[in-house]
Amino acid sequence: MIRVFIWLAGPLRNLYKTSPSAKGEEVDLHEGSTVAQLLDHYNVPHDKVHLIVVNRKKAGPATRLKDGDEIRAIPLAAGG
């Protein structure tokens, strides 16, 4: 098992397992898990994520995660 930290931005924060007001969450995953599997764990629609960052570097859904990684999922901003 590995433990990673996920930070969901904007409206995606409503998908946190603990509380929508959480600043992020630690989650345990199987060794070899990908960003896509992490997003699926949180029921994040992949088409709603504009940018994925792992340890401050742009990443993609197929990126394999390691113990201690910090993942940020950022939706496309909207406004007027």
PDB file of N, CA and C in Angstrom:
ATOM      1  N   MET A   1       0.847  -1.193   0.000  1.00  0.00           N
ATOM      2  CA  MET A   1       0.000   0.000   0.000  1.00  0.00           C
ATOM      3  C   MET A   1       0.884   1.245   0.000  1.00  0.00           C
ATOM      4  N   ILE A   2       0.336   2.294  -0.615  1.00  0.00           N
ATOM      5  CA  ILE A   2       0.986   3.597  -0.585  1.00  0.00           C
ATOM      6  C   ILE A   2      -0.013   4.608  -0.019  1.00  0.00           C
ATOM      7  N   ARG A   3       0.499   5.682   0.525  1.00  0.00           N
ATOM      8  CA  ARG A   3      -0.340   6.763   1.023  1.00  0.00           C
ATOM      9  C   ARG A   3       0.020   8.024   0.262  1.00  0.00           C
ATOM     10  N   VAL A   4      -1.012   8.670  -0.314  1.00  0.00           N
ATOM     11  CA  VAL A   4      -0.813   9.908  -1.065  1.00  0.00           C
ATOM     12  C   VAL A   4      -1.741  10.972  -0.493  1.00  0.00           C
ATOM     13  N   PHE A   5      -1.474  12.211  -0.865  1.00  0.00           N
ATOM     14  CA  PHE A   5      -2.295  13.335  -0.436  1.00  0.00           C
ATOM     15  C   PHE A   5      -2.955  13.919  -1.671  1.00  0.00           C
ATOM     16  N   ILE A   6      -4.278  14.057  -1.640  1.00  0.00           N
ATOM     17  CA  ILE A   6      -4.992  14.640  -2.774  1.00  0.00           C
ATOM     18  C   ILE A   6      -5.611  15.964  -2.363  1.00  0.00           C
ATOM     19  N   TRP A   7      -5.507  16.902  -3.275  1.00  0.00           N
ATOM     20  CA  TRP A   7      -6.088  18.229  -3.092  1.00  0.00           C
ATOM     21  C   TRP A   7      -6.995  18.468  -4.285  1.00  0.00           C
ATOM     22  N   LEU A   8      -8.302  18.583  -4.039  1.00  0.00           N
ATOM     23  CA  LEU A   8      -9.275  18.838  -5.087  1.00  0.00           C
ATOM     24  C   LEU A   8      -9.648  20.310  -5.044  1.00  0.00           C
ATOM     25  N   ALA A   9      -9.563  20.976  -6.181  1.00  0.00           N
ATOM     26  CA  ALA A   9      -9.813  22.414  -6.234  1.00  0.00           C
ATOM     27  C   ALA A   9     -11.251  22.715  -6.652  1.00  0.00           C
ATOM     28  N   GLY A  10     -11.705  23.902  -6.260  1.00  0.00           N
ATOM     29  CA  GLY A  10     -13.005  24.410  -6.691  1.00  0.00           C
ATOM     30  C   GLY A  10     -14.148  23.468  -6.361  1.00  0.00           C
ATOM     31  N   PRO A  11     -15.068  23.298  -7.318  1.00  0.00           N
ATOM     32  CA  PRO A  11     -16.252  22.472  -7.056  1.00  0.00           C
ATOM     33  C   PRO A  11     -15.931  20.989  -6.837  1.00  0.00           C
ATOM     34  N   LEU A  12     -14.750  20.554  -7.216  1.00  0.00           N
ATOM     35  CA  LEU A  12     -14.373  19.154  -6.998  1.00  0.00           C
ATOM     36  C   LEU A  12     -14.248  18.832  -5.511  1.00  0.00           C
ATOM     37  N   ARG A  13     -14.063  19.860  -4.681  1.00  0.00           N
ATOM     38  CA  ARG A  13     -13.919  19.629  -3.233  1.00  0.00           C
ATOM     39  C   ARG A  13     -15.143  18.965  -2.632  1.00  0.00           C
ATOM     40  N   ASN A  14     -16.289  19.087  -3.272  1.00  0.00           N
ATOM     41  CA  ASN A  14     -17.502  18.434  -2.773  1.00  0.00           C
ATOM     42  C   ASN A  14     -17.383  16.916  -2.796  1.00  0.00           C
ATOM     43  N   LEU A  15     -16.364  16.397  -3.463  1.00  0.00           N
ATOM     44  CA  LEU A  15     -16.187  14.956  -3.592  1.00  0.00           C
ATOM     45  C   LEU A  15     -15.287  14.349  -2.517  1.00  0.00           C
ATOM     46  N   TYR A  16     -14.737  15.180  -1.611  1.00  0.00           N
ATOM     47  CA  TYR A  16     -13.911  14.647  -0.537  1.00  0.00           C
ATOM     48  C   TYR A  16     -14.707  13.640   0.276  1.00  0.00           C
ATOM     49  N   LYS A  17     -14.033  12.624   0.780  1.00  0.00           N
ATOM     50  CA  LYS A  17     -14.685  11.594   1.589  1.00  0.00           C
ATOM     51  C   LYS A  17     -15.015  12.107   2.995  1.00  0.00           C
ATOM     52  N   THR A  18     -14.194  13.019   3.529  1.00  0.00           N
ATOM     53  CA  THR A  18     -14.400  13.467   4.904  1.00  0.00           C
ATOM     54  C   THR A  18     -15.315  14.678   4.989  1.00  0.00           C
ATOM     55  N   SER A  19     -14.993  15.754   4.271  1.00  0.00           N
ATOM     56  CA  SER A  19     -15.762  16.989   4.374  1.00  0.00           C
ATOM     57  C   SER A  19     -15.449  17.889   3.177  1.00  0.00           C
ATOM     58  N   PRO A  20     -16.473  18.534   2.600  1.00  0.00           N
ATOM     59  CA  PRO A  20     -16.218  19.458   1.488  1.00  0.00           C
ATOM     60  C   PRO A  20     -15.322  20.632   1.878  1.00  0.00           C
ATOM     61  N   SER A  21     -15.222  20.914   3.168  1.00  0.00           N
ATOM     62  CA  SER A  21     -14.388  22.031   3.612  1.00  0.00           C
ATOM     63  C   SER A  21     -12.942  21.601   3.884  1.00  0.00           C
ATOM     64  N   ALA A  22     -12.645  20.322   3.666  1.00  0.00           N
ATOM     65  CA  ALA A  22     -11.282  19.822   3.905  1.00  0.00           C
ATOM     66  C   ALA A  22     -10.294  20.534   2.978  1.00  0.00           C
ATOM     67  N   LYS A  23      -9.086  20.698   3.442  1.00  0.00           N
ATOM     68  CA  LYS A  23      -8.022  21.311   2.637  1.00  0.00           C
ATOM     69  C   LYS A  23      -7.329  20.270   1.773  1.00  0.00           C
ATOM     70  N   GLY A  24      -7.673  19.022   1.948  1.00  0.00           N
ATOM     71  CA  GLY A  24      -7.086  17.911   1.228  1.00  0.00           C
ATOM     72  C   GLY A  24      -7.244  16.663   2.070  1.00  0.00           C
ATOM     73  N   GLU A  25      -6.899  15.531   1.499  1.00  0.00           N
ATOM     74  CA  GLU A  25      -7.040  14.282   2.233  1.00  0.00           C
ATOM     75  C   GLU A  25      -5.894  13.338   1.912  1.00  0.00           C
ATOM     76  N   GLU A  26      -5.565  12.532   2.902  1.00  0.00           N
ATOM     77  CA  GLU A  26      -4.640  11.420   2.671  1.00  0.00           C
ATOM     78  C   GLU A  26      -5.474  10.207   2.321  1.00  0.00           C
ATOM     79  N   VAL A  27      -4.974   9.423   1.390  1.00  0.00           N
ATOM     80  CA  VAL A  27      -5.699   8.221   0.982  1.00  0.00           C
ATOM     81  C   VAL A  27      -4.696   7.096   0.746  1.00  0.00           C
ATOM     82  N   ASP A  28      -5.068   5.893   1.138  1.00  0.00           N
ATOM     83  CA  ASP A  28      -4.245   4.711   0.906  1.00  0.00           C
ATOM     84  C   ASP A  28      -4.690   4.046  -0.389  1.00  0.00           C
ATOM     85  N   LEU A  29      -3.722   3.714  -1.233  1.00  0.00           N
ATOM     86  CA  LEU A  29      -3.982   3.066  -2.518  1.00  0.00           C
ATOM     87  C   LEU A  29      -3.073   1.858  -2.662  1.00  0.00           C
ATOM     88  N   HIS A  30      -3.413   1.014  -3.611  1.00  0.00           N
ATOM     89  CA  HIS A  30      -2.550  -0.129  -3.915  1.00  0.00           C
ATOM     90  C   HIS A  30      -1.295   0.350  -4.628  1.00  0.00           C
ATOM     91  N   GLU A  31      -0.196  -0.316  -4.370  1.00  0.00           N
ATOM     92  CA  GLU A  31       1.069  -0.049  -5.065  1.00  0.00           C
ATOM     93  C   GLU A  31       0.814  -0.100  -6.572  1.00  0.00           C
ATOM     94  N   GLY A  32       1.342   0.867  -7.315  1.00  0.00           N
ATOM     95  CA  GLY A  32       1.178   0.893  -8.762  1.00  0.00           C
ATOM     96  C   GLY A  32      -0.070   1.612  -9.238  1.00  0.00           C
ATOM     97  N   SER A  33      -0.837   2.204  -8.317  1.00  0.00           N
ATOM     98  CA  SER A  33      -2.044   2.933  -8.708  1.00  0.00           C
ATOM     99  C   SER A  33      -1.692   4.149  -9.543  1.00  0.00           C
ATOM    100  N   THR A  34      -2.628   4.546 -10.393  1.00  0.00           N
ATOM    101  CA  THR A  34      -2.444   5.703 -11.272  1.00  0.00           C
ATOM    102  C   THR A  34      -3.301   6.873 -10.798  1.00  0.00           C
ATOM    103  N   VAL A  35      -3.037   8.024 -11.389  1.00  0.00           N
ATOM    104  CA  VAL A  35      -3.859   9.204 -11.109  1.00  0.00           C
ATOM    105  C   VAL A  35      -5.314   8.903 -11.469  1.00  0.00           C
ATOM    106  N   ALA A  36      -5.551   8.244 -12.594  1.00  0.00           N
ATOM    107  CA  ALA A  36      -6.917   7.920 -13.019  1.00  0.00           C
ATOM    108  C   ALA A  36      -7.632   7.080 -11.960  1.00  0.00           C
ATOM    109  N   GLN A  37      -6.937   6.117 -11.387  1.00  0.00           N
ATOM    110  CA  GLN A  37      -7.544   5.288 -10.346  1.00  0.00           C
ATOM    111  C   GLN A  37      -7.842   6.104  -9.090  1.00  0.00           C
ATOM    112  N   LEU A  38      -6.977   7.044  -8.768  1.00  0.00           N
ATOM    113  CA  LEU A  38      -7.226   7.922  -7.631  1.00  0.00           C
ATOM    114  C   LEU A  38      -8.467   8.769  -7.889  1.00  0.00           C
ATOM    115  N   LEU A  39      -8.575   9.340  -9.078  1.00  0.00           N
ATOM    116  CA  LEU A  39      -9.754  10.146  -9.413  1.00  0.00           C
ATOM    117  C   LEU A  39     -11.016   9.292  -9.365  1.00  0.00           C
ATOM    118  N   ASP A  40     -10.934   8.055  -9.840  1.00  0.00           N
ATOM    119  CA  ASP A  40     -12.086   7.151  -9.783  1.00  0.00           C
ATOM    120  C   ASP A  40     -12.485   6.868  -8.338  1.00  0.00           C
ATOM    121  N   HIS A  41     -11.503   6.746  -7.454  1.00  0.00           N
ATOM    122  CA  HIS A  41     -11.772   6.512  -6.031  1.00  0.00           C
ATOM    123  C   HIS A  41     -12.659   7.617  -5.460  1.00  0.00           C
ATOM    124  N   TYR A  42     -12.477   8.832  -5.961  1.00  0.00           N
ATOM    125  CA  TYR A  42     -13.248   9.986  -5.496  1.00  0.00           C
ATOM    126  C   TYR A  42     -14.425  10.307  -6.404  1.00  0.00           C
ATOM    127  N   ASN A  43     -14.688   9.455  -7.386  1.00  0.00           N
ATOM    128  CA  ASN A  43     -15.785   9.682  -8.345  1.00  0.00           C
ATOM    129  C   ASN A  43     -15.661  11.023  -9.064  1.00  0.00           C
ATOM    130  N   VAL A  44     -14.431  11.416  -9.351  1.00  0.00           N
ATOM    131  CA  VAL A  44     -14.183  12.657 -10.083  1.00  0.00           C
ATOM    132  C   VAL A  44     -14.354  12.379 -11.571  1.00  0.00           C
ATOM    133  N   PRO A  45     -15.279  13.084 -12.238  1.00  0.00           N
ATOM    134  CA  PRO A  45     -15.415  12.913 -13.683  1.00  0.00           C
ATOM    135  C   PRO A  45     -14.136  13.408 -14.370  1.00  0.00           C
ATOM    136  N   HIS A  46     -13.490  12.543 -15.114  1.00  0.00           N
ATOM    137  CA  HIS A  46     -12.203  12.894 -15.724  1.00  0.00           C
ATOM    138  C   HIS A  46     -12.323  14.104 -16.643  1.00  0.00           C
ATOM    139  N   ASP A  47     -13.466  14.273 -17.295  1.00  0.00           N
ATOM    140  CA  ASP A  47     -13.628  15.404 -18.212  1.00  0.00           C
ATOM    141  C   ASP A  47     -13.774  16.736 -17.480  1.00  0.00           C
ATOM    142  N   LYS A  48     -13.943  16.703 -16.179  1.00  0.00           N
ATOM    143  CA  LYS A  48     -14.049  17.936 -15.383  1.00  0.00           C
ATOM    144  C   LYS A  48     -12.692  18.420 -14.870  1.00  0.00           C
ATOM    145  N   VAL A  49     -11.662  17.591 -15.031  1.00  0.00           N
ATOM    146  CA  VAL A  49     -10.325  17.951 -14.549  1.00  0.00           C
ATOM    147  C   VAL A  49      -9.522  18.540 -15.700  1.00  0.00           C
ATOM    148  N   HIS A  50      -9.157  19.809 -15.546  1.00  0.00           N
ATOM    149  CA  HIS A  50      -8.398  20.512 -16.575  1.00  0.00           C
ATOM    150  C   HIS A  50      -6.895  20.296 -16.420  1.00  0.00           C
ATOM    151  N   LEU A  51      -6.437  20.192 -15.186  1.00  0.00           N
ATOM    152  CA  LEU A  51      -5.007  20.080 -14.914  1.00  0.00           C
ATOM    153  C   LEU A  51      -4.776  19.131 -13.745  1.00  0.00           C
ATOM    154  N   ILE A  52      -3.818  18.227 -13.921  1.00  0.00           N
ATOM    155  CA  ILE A  52      -3.388  17.318 -12.856  1.00  0.00           C
ATOM    156  C   ILE A  52      -1.930  17.625 -12.551  1.00  0.00           C
ATOM    157  N   VAL A  53      -1.627  17.804 -11.281  1.00  0.00           N
ATOM    158  CA  VAL A  53      -0.268  18.104 -10.861  1.00  0.00           C
ATOM    159  C   VAL A  53       0.136  17.074  -9.795  1.00  0.00           C
ATOM    160  N   VAL A  54       1.276  16.441 -10.005  1.00  0.00           N
ATOM    161  CA  VAL A  54       1.826  15.504  -9.029  1.00  0.00           C
ATOM    162  C   VAL A  54       3.186  16.045  -8.597  1.00  0.00           C
ATOM    163  N   ASN A  55       3.301  16.343  -7.325  1.00  0.00           N
ATOM    164  CA  ASN A  55       4.548  16.890  -6.772  1.00  0.00           C
ATOM    165  C   ASN A  55       5.029  18.114  -7.553  1.00  0.00           C
ATOM    166  N   ARG A  56       4.082  19.009  -7.824  1.00  0.00           N
ATOM    167  CA  ARG A  56       4.338  20.294  -8.484  1.00  0.00           C
ATOM    168  C   ARG A  56       4.769  20.174  -9.940  1.00  0.00           C
ATOM    169  N   LYS A  57       4.497  19.019 -10.563  1.00  0.00           N
ATOM    170  CA  LYS A  57       4.795  18.826 -11.983  1.00  0.00           C
ATOM    171  C   LYS A  57       3.543  18.347 -12.691  1.00  0.00           C
ATOM    172  N   LYS A  58       3.292  18.899 -13.881  1.00  0.00           N
ATOM    173  CA  LYS A  58       2.129  18.493 -14.664  1.00  0.00           C
ATOM    174  C   LYS A  58       2.185  16.993 -14.915  1.00  0.00           C
ATOM    175  N   ALA A  59       1.034  16.344 -14.781  1.00  0.00           N
ATOM    176  CA  ALA A  59       0.954  14.892 -14.938  1.00  0.00           C
ATOM    177  C   ALA A  59      -0.306  14.542 -15.720  1.00  0.00           C
ATOM    178  N   GLY A  60      -0.437  13.286 -16.035  1.00  0.00           N
ATOM    179  CA  GLY A  60      -1.606  12.807 -16.754  1.00  0.00           C
ATOM    180  C   GLY A  60      -2.281  11.684 -16.001  1.00  0.00           C
ATOM    181  N   PRO A  61      -3.428  11.220 -16.507  1.00  0.00           N
ATOM    182  CA  PRO A  61      -4.177  10.165 -15.834  1.00  0.00           C
ATOM    183  C   PRO A  61      -3.391   8.858 -15.673  1.00  0.00           C
ATOM    184  N   ALA A  62      -2.468   8.583 -16.592  1.00  0.00           N
ATOM    185  CA  ALA A  62      -1.710   7.323 -16.540  1.00  0.00           C
ATOM    186  C   ALA A  62      -0.494   7.384 -15.618  1.00  0.00           C
ATOM    187  N   THR A  63      -0.229   8.546 -15.031  1.00  0.00           N
ATOM    188  CA  THR A  63       0.921   8.699 -14.140  1.00  0.00           C
ATOM    189  C   THR A  63       0.791   7.759 -12.949  1.00  0.00           C
ATOM    190  N   ARG A  64       1.820   6.959 -12.712  1.00  0.00           N
ATOM    191  CA  ARG A  64       1.842   6.040 -11.565  1.00  0.00           C
ATOM    192  C   ARG A  64       2.215   6.826 -10.310  1.00  0.00           C
ATOM    193  N   LEU A  65       1.533   6.523  -9.234  1.00  0.00           N
ATOM    194  CA  LEU A  65       1.755   7.228  -7.979  1.00  0.00           C
ATOM    195  C   LEU A  65       2.689   6.440  -7.073  1.00  0.00           C
ATOM    196  N   LYS A  66       3.422   7.204  -6.244  1.00  0.00           N
ATOM    197  CA  LYS A  66       4.343   6.619  -5.279  1.00  0.00           C
ATOM    198  C   LYS A  66       3.959   7.097  -3.884  1.00  0.00           C
ATOM    199  N   ASP A  67       4.414   6.370  -2.888  1.00  0.00           N
ATOM    200  CA  ASP A  67       4.142   6.745  -1.513  1.00  0.00           C
ATOM    201  C   ASP A  67       4.618   8.171  -1.255  1.00  0.00           C
ATOM    202  N   GLY A  68       3.745   8.981  -0.654  1.00  0.00           N
ATOM    203  CA  GLY A  68       4.099  10.346  -0.299  1.00  0.00           C
ATOM    204  C   GLY A  68       3.796  11.380  -1.373  1.00  0.00           C
ATOM    205  N   ASP A  69       3.323  10.950  -2.546  1.00  0.00           N
ATOM    206  CA  ASP A  69       3.016  11.908  -3.614  1.00  0.00           C
ATOM    207  C   ASP A  69       1.900  12.855  -3.191  1.00  0.00           C
ATOM    208  N   GLU A  70       1.966  14.078  -3.714  1.00  0.00           N
ATOM    209  CA  GLU A  70       0.918  15.070  -3.522  1.00  0.00           C
ATOM    210  C   GLU A  70       0.279  15.337  -4.885  1.00  0.00           C
ATOM    211  N   ILE A  71      -1.018  15.122  -4.977  1.00  0.00           N
ATOM    212  CA  ILE A  71      -1.738  15.245  -6.235  1.00  0.00           C
ATOM    213  C   ILE A  71      -2.757  16.371  -6.121  1.00  0.00           C
ATOM    214  N   ARG A  72      -2.771  17.211  -7.133  1.00  0.00           N
ATOM    215  CA  ARG A  72      -3.769  18.283  -7.218  1.00  0.00           C
ATOM    216  C   ARG A  72      -4.583  18.089  -8.482  1.00  0.00           C
ATOM    217  N   ALA A  73      -5.899  18.121  -8.353  1.00  0.00           N
ATOM    218  CA  ALA A  73      -6.813  18.025  -9.482  1.00  0.00           C
ATOM    219  C   ALA A  73      -7.538  19.358  -9.588  1.00  0.00           C
ATOM    220  N   ILE A  74      -7.352  20.025 -10.723  1.00  0.00           N
ATOM    221  CA  ILE A  74      -7.840  21.383 -10.885  1.00  0.00           C
ATOM    222  C   ILE A  74      -8.808  21.441 -12.068  1.00  0.00           C
ATOM    223  N   PRO A  75     -10.050  21.885 -11.822  1.00  0.00           N
ATOM    224  CA  PRO A  75     -11.014  21.995 -12.919  1.00  0.00           C
ATOM    225  C   PRO A  75     -10.774  23.274 -13.720  1.00  0.00           C
ATOM    226  N   LEU A  76     -11.385  23.334 -14.890  1.00  0.00           N
ATOM    227  CA  LEU A  76     -11.323  24.545 -15.689  1.00  0.00           C
ATOM    228  C   LEU A  76     -12.126  25.624 -14.963  1.00  0.00           C
ATOM    229  N   ALA A  77     -11.534  26.789 -14.808  1.00  0.00           N
ATOM    230  CA  ALA A  77     -12.223  27.883 -14.112  1.00  0.00           C
ATOM    231  C   ALA A  77     -13.272  28.488 -15.029  1.00  0.00           C
ATOM    232  N   ALA A  78     -14.352  28.919 -14.428  1.00  0.00           N
ATOM    233  CA  ALA A  78     -15.404  29.587 -15.190  1.00  0.00           C
ATOM    234  C   ALA A  78     -15.752  30.880 -14.464  1.00  0.00           C
ATOM    235  N   GLY A  79     -16.181  31.814 -15.192  1.00  0.00           N
ATOM    236  CA  GLY A  79     -16.547  33.081 -14.583  1.00  0.00           C
ATOM    237  C   GLY A  79     -17.094  34.034 -15.617  1.00  0.00           C
ATOM    238  N   GLY A  80     -17.429  35.193 -15.153  1.00  0.00           N
ATOM    239  CA  GLY A  80     -18.021  36.118 -16.106  1.00  0.00           C
ATOM    240  C   GLY A  80     -17.699  37.545 -15.777  1.00  0.00           C
TER     241      GLY A  80
END
